[in-house]
Amino acid sequence: MIARTPGKSLQVVALALVLAGASGAPPELRGEAAGEYAVKAAFLFHFAQFVEWPPEAFKDASSPLKYCTVGDDPIRGALEESVHGKSVGSHTLQVQHLTRREPIAGCHILFIGVGEKKHLPEDLSGAAGHAVLTVGETEHFAQEGGMIGFLVENDKVRFEINMKTAATAKLKISSRLLLLAKTVIGNED
C-alpha cells in the first residue's frame, strides 16, 4: 500500500496543471509526438501517486515501483526522464522496456503504446490476475479492458478510467484522480 500524505492536494493541483498545460505547450511541440509523449510520461508519474496497490504487489515496503512498456515503445526516453530520481512513498521508481516474450510479473504500471493495437488482447490477458495498472493509448482502450486510456482532444491529452478493471486487479484509484478523468467507466458510486 502506498502511504497517503497531506501534500496530495498539491499533487492534484500539479496533475491538473499538467492537464491544462497539455495544450499550452510551445507551438513547436504542440501536436508533435515528442511533446505528446512528454505529457503522457508526466501523467504516468502522477498516476502512481493516486493509485493504491495491495501490499502483496511489493516484496517489501521499500521495493521499487516498476513502470513497464511493451513492444513498440514510443514513450522511451520521456518516461525515464519523467521518473528519474523520484519516488512514490517509500518506493523508488524504475522503468523496464519489455520485449514481446517477457512476462509482466513484477510490473506495477504497464504502458501499451498505439503500435501494440494488434497485440492488445494478449497484453491485457498477460496483465490479468496481477496488480498492474494498465495504461494505453489505443482508441477505446478503457472500454476494451484497459484501466486508463489516453486520448487527445483539441491538442490536449486527456484520459478515461475503467474502475471495474482496476477493482478486479485489486487497485484503488483515488477519487481525486477520478475527478480529473474525462470519463469514468464502471463507477458504482
C-alpha atoms as a PDB file:
ATOM      1  CA  MET A   1       0.000   0.000   0.000  1.00  0.00           C
ATOM      2  CA  ILE A   2       1.334   3.420  -0.876  1.00  0.00           C
ATOM      3  CA  ALA A   3       1.052   5.845   2.013  1.00  0.00           C
ATOM      4  CA  ARG A   4      -1.055   8.954   1.615  1.00  0.00           C
ATOM      5  CA  THR A   5       0.444  12.275   2.616  1.00  0.00           C
ATOM      6  CA  PRO A   6      -1.020  15.708   3.333  1.00  0.00           C
ATOM      7  CA  GLY A   7       0.734  17.015   0.209  1.00  0.00           C
ATOM      8  CA  LYS A   8      -1.673  15.114  -2.030  1.00  0.00           C
ATOM      9  CA  SER A   9      -3.777  18.219  -2.637  1.00  0.00           C
ATOM     10  CA  LEU A  10      -0.697  19.886  -4.129  1.00  0.00           C
ATOM     11  CA  GLN A  11      -0.182  16.827  -6.314  1.00  0.00           C
ATOM     12  CA  VAL A  12      -3.779  17.067  -7.541  1.00  0.00           C
ATOM     13  CA  VAL A  13      -3.132  20.688  -8.454  1.00  0.00           C
ATOM     14  CA  ALA A  14       0.093  19.675 -10.223  1.00  0.00           C
ATOM     15  CA  LEU A  15      -1.720  16.998 -12.211  1.00  0.00           C
ATOM     16  CA  ALA A  16      -4.497  19.462 -13.066  1.00  0.00           C
ATOM     17  CA  LEU A  17      -1.836  21.895 -14.318  1.00  0.00           C
ATOM     18  CA  VAL A  18      -0.358  19.144 -16.492  1.00  0.00           C
ATOM     19  CA  LEU A  19      -3.855  18.584 -17.905  1.00  0.00           C
ATOM     20  CA  ALA A  20      -4.379  22.281 -18.526  1.00  0.00           C
ATOM     21  CA  GLY A  21      -0.889  22.739 -19.916  1.00  0.00           C
ATOM     22  CA  ALA A  22      -1.120  19.905 -22.391  1.00  0.00           C
ATOM     23  CA  SER A  23      -2.438  22.310 -25.000  1.00  0.00           C
ATOM     24  CA  GLY A  24      -0.313  25.190 -23.762  1.00  0.00           C
ATOM     25  CA  ALA A  25       2.942  23.661 -24.984  1.00  0.00           C
ATOM     26  CA  PRO A  26       5.115  25.847 -27.180  1.00  0.00           C
ATOM     27  CA  PRO A  27       3.959  25.881 -30.840  1.00  0.00           C
ATOM     28  CA  GLU A  28       6.978  23.855 -31.936  1.00  0.00           C
ATOM     29  CA  LEU A  29       5.904  20.975 -29.642  1.00  0.00           C
ATOM     30  CA  ARG A  30       2.138  21.268 -29.928  1.00  0.00           C
ATOM     31  CA  GLY A  31       0.791  18.211 -31.737  1.00  0.00           C
ATOM     32  CA  GLU A  32       4.236  16.664 -32.183  1.00  0.00           C
ATOM     33  CA  ALA A  33       4.927  13.195 -30.850  1.00  0.00           C
ATOM     34  CA  ALA A  34       7.804  14.340 -28.619  1.00  0.00           C
ATOM     35  CA  GLY A  35       5.639  16.836 -26.762  1.00  0.00           C
ATOM     36  CA  GLU A  36       2.705  14.443 -26.550  1.00  0.00           C
ATOM     37  CA  TYR A  37       4.848  11.678 -25.060  1.00  0.00           C
ATOM     38  CA  ALA A  38       6.487  14.036 -22.568  1.00  0.00           C
ATOM     39  CA  VAL A  39       2.986  14.927 -21.332  1.00  0.00           C
ATOM     40  CA  LYS A  40       1.935  11.254 -21.230  1.00  0.00           C
ATOM     41  CA  ALA A  41       5.109  10.384 -19.292  1.00  0.00           C
ATOM     42  CA  ALA A  42       4.287  13.103 -16.748  1.00  0.00           C
ATOM     43  CA  PHE A  43       0.791  11.654 -16.409  1.00  0.00           C
ATOM     44  CA  LEU A  44       2.246   8.186 -15.811  1.00  0.00           C
ATOM     45  CA  PHE A  45       4.361   9.546 -12.973  1.00  0.00           C
ATOM     46  CA  HIS A  46       1.358  11.276 -11.407  1.00  0.00           C
ATOM     47  CA  PHE A  47      -0.959   8.285 -11.850  1.00  0.00           C
ATOM     48  CA  ALA A  48       1.269   6.311  -9.462  1.00  0.00           C
ATOM     49  CA  GLN A  49       0.631   8.916  -6.785  1.00  0.00           C
ATOM     50  CA  PHE A  50      -3.123   8.324  -6.944  1.00  0.00           C
ATOM     51  CA  VAL A  51      -3.262   4.541  -7.106  1.00  0.00           C
ATOM     52  CA  GLU A  52      -3.065   2.209  -4.145  1.00  0.00           C
ATOM     53  CA  TRP A  53      -1.629  -1.252  -4.757  1.00  0.00           C
ATOM     54  CA  PRO A  54      -2.310  -4.209  -2.464  1.00  0.00           C
ATOM     55  CA  PRO A  55       0.598  -4.951  -0.094  1.00  0.00           C
ATOM     56  CA  GLU A  56       1.413  -8.214  -1.889  1.00  0.00           C
ATOM     57  CA  ALA A  57       2.230  -6.265  -5.075  1.00  0.00           C
ATOM     58  CA  PHE A  58       5.600  -5.375  -3.499  1.00  0.00           C
ATOM     59  CA  LYS A  59       8.221  -7.670  -1.965  1.00  0.00           C
ATOM     60  CA  ASP A  60       8.533  -5.206   0.914  1.00  0.00           C
ATOM     61  CA  ALA A  61       7.792  -1.583   1.812  1.00  0.00           C
ATOM     62  CA  SER A  62      10.944  -0.292   0.120  1.00  0.00           C
ATOM     63  CA  SER A  63      10.698  -2.314  -3.114  1.00  0.00           C
ATOM     64  CA  PRO A  64      10.740  -0.174  -6.252  1.00  0.00           C
ATOM     65  CA  LEU A  65       7.598   0.691  -8.153  1.00  0.00           C
ATOM     66  CA  LYS A  66       8.224  -0.553 -11.675  1.00  0.00           C
ATOM     67  CA  TYR A  67       6.941   1.074 -14.862  1.00  0.00           C
ATOM     68  CA  CYS A  68       6.989  -1.283 -17.834  1.00  0.00           C
ATOM     69  CA  THR A  69       6.355  -0.745 -21.509  1.00  0.00           C
ATOM     70  CA  VAL A  70       5.736  -3.486 -24.028  1.00  0.00           C
ATOM     71  CA  GLY A  71       6.613  -3.896 -27.688  1.00  0.00           C
ATOM     72  CA  ASP A  72       6.816  -0.808 -29.881  1.00  0.00           C
ATOM     73  CA  ASP A  73       7.746   1.855 -27.362  1.00  0.00           C
ATOM     74  CA  PRO A  74       7.041   5.492 -28.322  1.00  0.00           C
ATOM     75  CA  ILE A  75       7.465   6.728 -24.736  1.00  0.00           C
ATOM     76  CA  ARG A  76      11.079   5.521 -24.356  1.00  0.00           C
ATOM     77  CA  GLY A  77      13.264   8.302 -23.028  1.00  0.00           C
ATOM     78  CA  ALA A  78      10.383  10.571 -22.000  1.00  0.00           C
ATOM     79  CA  LEU A  79       9.299   8.093 -19.316  1.00  0.00           C
ATOM     80  CA  GLU A  80      12.809   7.716 -17.909  1.00  0.00           C
ATOM     81  CA  GLU A  81      13.181  11.492 -17.792  1.00  0.00           C
ATOM     82  CA  SER A  82       9.809  11.897 -16.066  1.00  0.00           C
ATOM     83  CA  VAL A  83      10.554   9.454 -13.211  1.00  0.00           C
ATOM     84  CA  HIS A  84      14.325   9.905 -12.848  1.00  0.00           C
ATOM     85  CA  GLY A  85      15.329  10.356  -9.220  1.00  0.00           C
ATOM     86  CA  LYS A  86      11.731  10.360  -7.994  1.00  0.00           C
ATOM     87  CA  SER A  87       9.822   8.145  -5.622  1.00  0.00           C
ATOM     88  CA  VAL A  88       6.255   7.495  -4.586  1.00  0.00           C
ATOM     89  CA  GLY A  89       6.026   6.983  -0.853  1.00  0.00           C
ATOM     90  CA  SER A  90       8.897   4.674   0.095  1.00  0.00           C
ATOM     91  CA  HIS A  91       9.149   3.254  -3.436  1.00  0.00           C
ATOM     92  CA  THR A  92      11.830   4.415  -5.840  1.00  0.00           C
ATOM     93  CA  LEU A  93      10.757   4.365  -9.483  1.00  0.00           C
ATOM     94  CA  GLN A  94      12.210   2.117 -12.177  1.00  0.00           C
ATOM     95  CA  VAL A  95      11.490   1.741 -15.889  1.00  0.00           C
ATOM     96  CA  GLN A  96      11.761  -1.509 -17.828  1.00  0.00           C
ATOM     97  CA  HIS A  97      11.096  -1.926 -21.557  1.00  0.00           C
ATOM     98  CA  LEU A  98       9.770  -5.415 -22.179  1.00  0.00           C
ATOM     99  CA  THR A  99      10.002  -7.402 -25.360  1.00  0.00           C
ATOM    100  CA  ARG A 100       7.025  -9.336 -26.580  1.00  0.00           C
ATOM    101  CA  ARG A 101       8.144 -12.544 -24.851  1.00  0.00           C
ATOM    102  CA  GLU A 102       8.930 -11.156 -21.405  1.00  0.00           C
ATOM    103  CA  PRO A 103       6.380 -11.675 -18.627  1.00  0.00           C
ATOM    104  CA  ILE A 104       4.953  -8.631 -16.872  1.00  0.00           C
ATOM    105  CA  ALA A 105       5.383 -10.144 -13.414  1.00  0.00           C
ATOM    106  CA  GLY A 106       6.930  -7.504 -11.172  1.00  0.00           C
ATOM    107  CA  CYS A 107       5.484  -4.570 -13.149  1.00  0.00           C
ATOM    108  CA  HIS A 108       3.188  -2.136 -11.356  1.00  0.00           C
ATOM    109  CA  ILE A 109       2.297   0.128 -14.282  1.00  0.00           C
ATOM    110  CA  LEU A 110       2.207  -1.232 -17.836  1.00  0.00           C
ATOM    111  CA  PHE A 111       2.130   1.253 -20.721  1.00  0.00           C
ATOM    112  CA  ILE A 112       0.846  -0.164 -24.005  1.00  0.00           C
ATOM    113  CA  GLY A 113       1.526   2.095 -26.991  1.00  0.00           C
ATOM    114  CA  VAL A 114      -0.652   2.563 -30.055  1.00  0.00           C
ATOM    115  CA  GLY A 115       1.670   0.327 -32.109  1.00  0.00           C
ATOM    116  CA  GLU A 116       0.568  -2.619 -29.972  1.00  0.00           C
ATOM    117  CA  LYS A 117      -3.078  -2.485 -31.081  1.00  0.00           C
ATOM    118  CA  LYS A 118      -2.998  -5.931 -32.690  1.00  0.00           C
ATOM    119  CA  HIS A 119      -1.479  -7.416 -29.509  1.00  0.00           C
ATOM    120  CA  LEU A 120      -3.803  -5.585 -27.085  1.00  0.00           C
ATOM    121  CA  PRO A 121      -5.917  -8.623 -26.086  1.00  0.00           C
ATOM    122  CA  GLU A 122      -2.725 -10.602 -25.439  1.00  0.00           C
ATOM    123  CA  ASP A 123      -1.145  -7.755 -23.432  1.00  0.00           C
ATOM    124  CA  LEU A 124      -4.254  -7.253 -21.287  1.00  0.00           C
ATOM    125  CA  SER A 125      -4.585 -11.010 -20.784  1.00  0.00           C
ATOM    126  CA  GLY A 126      -0.982 -11.121 -19.565  1.00  0.00           C
ATOM    127  CA  ALA A 127      -1.761  -8.418 -17.008  1.00  0.00           C
ATOM    128  CA  ALA A 128      -4.973 -10.108 -15.802  1.00  0.00           C
ATOM    129  CA  GLY A 129      -4.638 -11.589 -12.336  1.00  0.00           C
ATOM    130  CA  HIS A 130      -1.803  -9.211 -11.416  1.00  0.00           C
ATOM    131  CA  ALA A 131      -1.947  -5.896  -9.547  1.00  0.00           C
ATOM    132  CA  VAL A 132      -0.806  -3.991 -12.633  1.00  0.00           C
ATOM    133  CA  LEU A 133      -2.205  -0.620 -13.679  1.00  0.00           C
ATOM    134  CA  THR A 134      -2.638  -0.904 -17.450  1.00  0.00           C
ATOM    135  CA  VAL A 135      -2.367   2.381 -19.334  1.00  0.00           C
ATOM    136  CA  GLY A 136      -2.713   2.635 -23.091  1.00  0.00           C
ATOM    137  CA  GLU A 137      -3.321   4.946 -25.972  1.00  0.00           C
ATOM    138  CA  THR A 138      -5.276   2.885 -28.464  1.00  0.00           C
ATOM    139  CA  GLU A 139      -8.782   4.071 -29.260  1.00  0.00           C
ATOM    140  CA  HIS A 140     -11.311   2.724 -26.726  1.00  0.00           C
ATOM    141  CA  PHE A 141      -8.524   1.282 -24.529  1.00  0.00           C
ATOM    142  CA  ALA A 142     -10.502   1.650 -21.289  1.00  0.00           C
ATOM    143  CA  GLN A 143     -13.662   0.255 -22.879  1.00  0.00           C
ATOM    144  CA  GLU A 144     -11.716  -2.785 -24.119  1.00  0.00           C
ATOM    145  CA  GLY A 145     -10.480  -3.735 -20.642  1.00  0.00           C
ATOM    146  CA  GLY A 146      -7.550  -1.422 -20.004  1.00  0.00           C
ATOM    147  CA  MET A 147      -7.592   0.674 -16.817  1.00  0.00           C
ATOM    148  CA  ILE A 148      -6.545   4.134 -18.023  1.00  0.00           C
ATOM    149  CA  GLY A 149      -6.818   5.135 -21.659  1.00  0.00           C
ATOM    150  CA  PHE A 150      -5.198   8.247 -23.081  1.00  0.00           C
ATOM    151  CA  LEU A 151      -6.933  10.259 -25.765  1.00  0.00           C
ATOM    152  CA  VAL A 152      -6.020  13.518 -27.444  1.00  0.00           C
ATOM    153  CA  GLU A 153      -8.733  16.127 -27.990  1.00  0.00           C
ATOM    154  CA  ASN A 154      -8.032  19.591 -29.376  1.00  0.00           C
ATOM    155  CA  ASP A 155      -4.293  19.112 -28.751  1.00  0.00           C
ATOM    156  CA  LYS A 156      -4.962  18.200 -25.099  1.00  0.00           C
ATOM    157  CA  VAL A 157      -4.037  14.858 -23.583  1.00  0.00           C
ATOM    158  CA  ARG A 158      -6.999  13.526 -21.599  1.00  0.00           C
ATOM    159  CA  PHE A 159      -7.744  10.134 -20.063  1.00  0.00           C
ATOM    160  CA  GLU A 160     -10.532   7.714 -19.274  1.00  0.00           C
ATOM    161  CA  ILE A 161     -10.592   5.300 -16.328  1.00  0.00           C
ATOM    162  CA  ASN A 162     -12.148   1.837 -16.132  1.00  0.00           C
ATOM    163  CA  MET A 163     -12.914   1.317 -12.429  1.00  0.00           C
ATOM    164  CA  LYS A 164     -14.226  -2.224 -12.879  1.00  0.00           C
ATOM    165  CA  THR A 165     -10.958  -3.449 -14.414  1.00  0.00           C
ATOM    166  CA  ALA A 166      -8.921  -1.662 -11.719  1.00  0.00           C
ATOM    167  CA  ALA A 167     -11.025  -3.220  -8.941  1.00  0.00           C
ATOM    168  CA  THR A 168     -10.553  -6.687 -10.470  1.00  0.00           C
ATOM    169  CA  ALA A 169      -6.780  -6.129 -10.175  1.00  0.00           C
ATOM    170  CA  LYS A 170      -7.228  -5.012  -6.533  1.00  0.00           C
ATOM    171  CA  LEU A 171      -6.110  -1.471  -7.334  1.00  0.00           C
ATOM    172  CA  LYS A 172      -7.741   1.507  -5.661  1.00  0.00           C
ATOM    173  CA  ILE A 173      -7.833   4.700  -7.683  1.00  0.00           C
ATOM    174  CA  SER A 174      -8.152   7.921  -5.724  1.00  0.00           C
ATOM    175  CA  SER A 175     -11.350   9.904  -6.146  1.00  0.00           C
ATOM    176  CA  ARG A 176      -9.117  12.922  -6.782  1.00  0.00           C
ATOM    177  CA  LEU A 177      -7.803  11.283  -9.959  1.00  0.00           C
ATOM    178  CA  LEU A 178     -11.334  10.274 -10.965  1.00  0.00           C
ATOM    179  CA  LEU A 179     -12.361  13.942 -10.837  1.00  0.00           C
ATOM    180  CA  LEU A 180      -9.743  14.769 -13.478  1.00  0.00           C
ATOM    181  CA  ALA A 181     -10.757  11.960 -15.858  1.00  0.00           C
ATOM    182  CA  LYS A 182     -12.823  12.764 -18.937  1.00  0.00           C
ATOM    183  CA  THR A 183     -14.823   9.565 -18.449  1.00  0.00           C
ATOM    184  CA  VAL A 184     -15.094   7.015 -15.632  1.00  0.00           C
ATOM    185  CA  ILE A 185     -16.380   3.593 -16.646  1.00  0.00           C
ATOM    186  CA  GLY A 186     -17.909   1.151 -14.166  1.00  0.00           C
ATOM    187  CA  ASN A 187     -18.065   3.514 -11.216  1.00  0.00           C
ATOM    188  CA  GLU A 188     -20.925   2.459  -8.966  1.00  0.00           C
ATOM    189  CA  ASP A 189     -20.504   5.453  -6.612  1.00  0.00           C
END
